Amino acid sequence: MVSNAFIGLGKAQARALGHPGLPLAVIPHPFGSRTRNEVRALADKCVGEIVKLAAAK
């Protein structure tokens, strides 16, 4: 999982760790300044995508 401001960095890290095709679940940036309820809403929104990506591997 990566915020949209760090997609390039996430892809570079995946390549460096030997997983160049690793799919990334992308969340809106910024993440750290969000409230607990906002983070929970983001998690609820992207959990399906994360499960789908994990199942594809």
N, C-alpha and C. Protein backbone atom coordinates (compact mmCIF):
# COMPACT_ATOMS: atom_id res chain seq x y z
N MET A 1 0.86 -1.16 0.00
CA MET A 1 0.00 0.00 0.00
C MET A 1 0.90 1.22 0.00
N VAL A 2 0.52 2.21 -0.77
CA VAL A 2 1.31 3.43 -0.92
C VAL A 2 0.37 4.60 -1.19
N SER A 3 0.75 5.79 -0.72
CA SER A 3 -0.07 6.95 -1.07
C SER A 3 0.31 7.40 -2.48
N ASN A 4 -0.61 8.08 -3.14
CA ASN A 4 -0.39 8.44 -4.54
C ASN A 4 0.82 9.35 -4.74
N ALA A 5 1.29 10.02 -3.71
CA ALA A 5 2.49 10.86 -3.84
C ALA A 5 3.77 10.02 -3.89
N PHE A 6 3.68 8.74 -3.53
CA PHE A 6 4.88 7.90 -3.45
C PHE A 6 4.80 6.65 -4.32
N ILE A 7 4.00 6.68 -5.36
CA ILE A 7 3.89 5.52 -6.25
C ILE A 7 5.25 5.18 -6.86
N GLY A 8 5.96 6.17 -7.36
CA GLY A 8 7.27 5.93 -7.96
C GLY A 8 8.24 5.29 -6.98
N LEU A 9 8.25 5.80 -5.78
CA LEU A 9 9.12 5.25 -4.74
C LEU A 9 8.71 3.82 -4.39
N GLY A 10 7.42 3.56 -4.30
CA GLY A 10 6.94 2.21 -4.01
C GLY A 10 7.34 1.22 -5.09
N LYS A 11 7.23 1.63 -6.35
CA LYS A 11 7.64 0.76 -7.46
C LYS A 11 9.14 0.53 -7.44
N ALA A 12 9.92 1.57 -7.15
CA ALA A 12 11.37 1.43 -7.08
C ALA A 12 11.76 0.48 -5.94
N GLN A 13 11.11 0.59 -4.81
CA GLN A 13 11.40 -0.29 -3.67
C GLN A 13 11.05 -1.74 -4.01
N ALA A 14 9.92 -1.94 -4.66
CA ALA A 14 9.53 -3.29 -5.06
C ALA A 14 10.57 -3.89 -6.01
N ARG A 15 11.04 -3.11 -6.99
CA ARG A 15 12.08 -3.59 -7.91
C ARG A 15 13.35 -3.93 -7.14
N ALA A 16 13.76 -3.05 -6.23
CA ALA A 16 15.00 -3.25 -5.47
C ALA A 16 14.92 -4.52 -4.61
N LEU A 17 13.73 -4.89 -4.19
CA LEU A 17 13.55 -6.09 -3.37
C LEU A 17 13.26 -7.33 -4.20
N GLY A 18 13.36 -7.18 -5.54
CA GLY A 18 13.20 -8.33 -6.42
C GLY A 18 11.78 -8.65 -6.82
N HIS A 19 10.87 -7.68 -6.68
CA HIS A 19 9.47 -7.89 -7.04
C HIS A 19 8.98 -6.78 -7.97
N PRO A 20 9.55 -6.70 -9.19
CA PRO A 20 9.23 -5.58 -10.07
C PRO A 20 7.77 -5.49 -10.49
N GLY A 21 7.05 -6.59 -10.48
CA GLY A 21 5.65 -6.57 -10.89
C GLY A 21 4.67 -6.50 -9.74
N LEU A 22 5.17 -6.23 -8.54
CA LEU A 22 4.31 -6.21 -7.36
C LEU A 22 3.20 -5.16 -7.52
N PRO A 23 1.95 -5.57 -7.42
CA PRO A 23 0.87 -4.57 -7.53
C PRO A 23 0.80 -3.73 -6.26
N LEU A 24 0.43 -2.48 -6.42
CA LEU A 24 0.33 -1.56 -5.29
C LEU A 24 -1.11 -1.10 -5.12
N ALA A 25 -1.57 -1.12 -3.89
CA ALA A 25 -2.85 -0.50 -3.56
C ALA A 25 -2.53 0.96 -3.22
N VAL A 26 -3.21 1.87 -3.88
CA VAL A 26 -2.91 3.29 -3.75
C VAL A 26 -4.00 4.00 -2.94
N ILE A 27 -3.56 4.78 -1.96
CA ILE A 27 -4.47 5.57 -1.14
C ILE A 27 -4.17 7.05 -1.38
N PRO A 28 -5.12 7.94 -1.10
CA PRO A 28 -4.89 9.38 -1.30
C PRO A 28 -3.85 9.93 -0.32
N HIS A 29 -3.09 10.88 -0.79
CA HIS A 29 -2.08 11.58 0.02
C HIS A 29 -2.67 12.92 0.44
N PRO A 30 -2.39 13.44 1.59
CA PRO A 30 -1.54 12.89 2.65
C PRO A 30 -2.32 11.91 3.52
N PHE A 31 -1.59 11.04 4.17
CA PHE A 31 -2.18 10.02 5.01
C PHE A 31 -2.01 10.35 6.49
N GLY A 32 -0.83 10.82 6.87
CA GLY A 32 -0.49 11.03 8.27
C GLY A 32 -1.29 12.08 9.00
N SER A 33 -1.86 13.02 8.28
CA SER A 33 -2.60 14.11 8.95
C SER A 33 -4.08 13.81 9.11
N ARG A 34 -4.50 12.62 8.72
CA ARG A 34 -5.93 12.28 8.80
C ARG A 34 -6.32 11.83 10.21
N THR A 35 -7.58 12.04 10.53
CA THR A 35 -8.09 11.61 11.83
C THR A 35 -8.27 10.08 11.81
N ARG A 36 -8.46 9.52 12.99
CA ARG A 36 -8.68 8.07 13.10
C ARG A 36 -9.90 7.64 12.28
N ASN A 37 -10.95 8.43 12.30
CA ASN A 37 -12.16 8.09 11.54
C ASN A 37 -11.91 8.17 10.04
N GLU A 38 -11.13 9.15 9.61
CA GLU A 38 -10.80 9.26 8.18
C GLU A 38 -9.94 8.08 7.74
N VAL A 39 -9.00 7.67 8.57
CA VAL A 39 -8.15 6.51 8.25
C VAL A 39 -9.02 5.26 8.17
N ARG A 40 -9.94 5.11 9.09
CA ARG A 40 -10.84 3.95 9.08
C ARG A 40 -11.68 3.95 7.79
N ALA A 41 -12.16 5.09 7.37
CA ALA A 41 -12.94 5.18 6.13
C ALA A 41 -12.09 4.82 4.92
N LEU A 42 -10.83 5.29 4.90
CA LEU A 42 -9.92 4.92 3.81
C LEU A 42 -9.68 3.42 3.80
N ALA A 43 -9.47 2.83 4.96
CA ALA A 43 -9.23 1.39 5.07
C ALA A 43 -10.45 0.63 4.55
N ASP A 44 -11.63 1.05 4.96
CA ASP A 44 -12.85 0.39 4.50
C ASP A 44 -12.98 0.47 2.98
N LYS A 45 -12.57 1.59 2.43
CA LYS A 45 -12.69 1.82 1.00
C LYS A 45 -11.70 0.97 0.20
N CYS A 46 -10.48 0.75 0.73
CA CYS A 46 -9.45 0.07 -0.07
C CYS A 46 -9.22 -1.38 0.32
N VAL A 47 -9.87 -1.88 1.35
CA VAL A 47 -9.62 -3.27 1.79
C VAL A 47 -9.96 -4.27 0.67
N GLY A 48 -11.01 -4.02 -0.06
CA GLY A 48 -11.37 -4.92 -1.17
C GLY A 48 -10.28 -4.99 -2.22
N GLU A 49 -9.69 -3.85 -2.55
CA GLU A 49 -8.60 -3.83 -3.53
C GLU A 49 -7.39 -4.59 -3.01
N ILE A 50 -7.08 -4.43 -1.74
CA ILE A 50 -5.93 -5.12 -1.15
C ILE A 50 -6.16 -6.63 -1.16
N VAL A 51 -7.35 -7.07 -0.81
CA VAL A 51 -7.66 -8.50 -0.83
C VAL A 51 -7.55 -9.04 -2.25
N LYS A 52 -8.06 -8.30 -3.22
CA LYS A 52 -7.99 -8.73 -4.61
C LYS A 52 -6.53 -8.84 -5.07
N LEU A 53 -5.69 -7.88 -4.72
CA LEU A 53 -4.29 -7.92 -5.10
C LEU A 53 -3.56 -9.08 -4.42
N ALA A 54 -3.87 -9.34 -3.17
CA ALA A 54 -3.22 -10.43 -2.43
C ALA A 54 -3.64 -11.78 -3.02
N ALA A 55 -4.89 -11.91 -3.41
CA ALA A 55 -5.39 -13.17 -3.95
C ALA A 55 -4.82 -13.46 -5.34
N ALA A 56 -4.44 -12.40 -6.06
CA ALA A 56 -3.91 -12.56 -7.42
C ALA A 56 -2.51 -13.16 -7.42
N LYS A 57 -1.82 -13.10 -6.31
CA LYS A 57 -0.43 -13.59 -6.24
C LYS A 57 -0.35 -15.01 -5.85
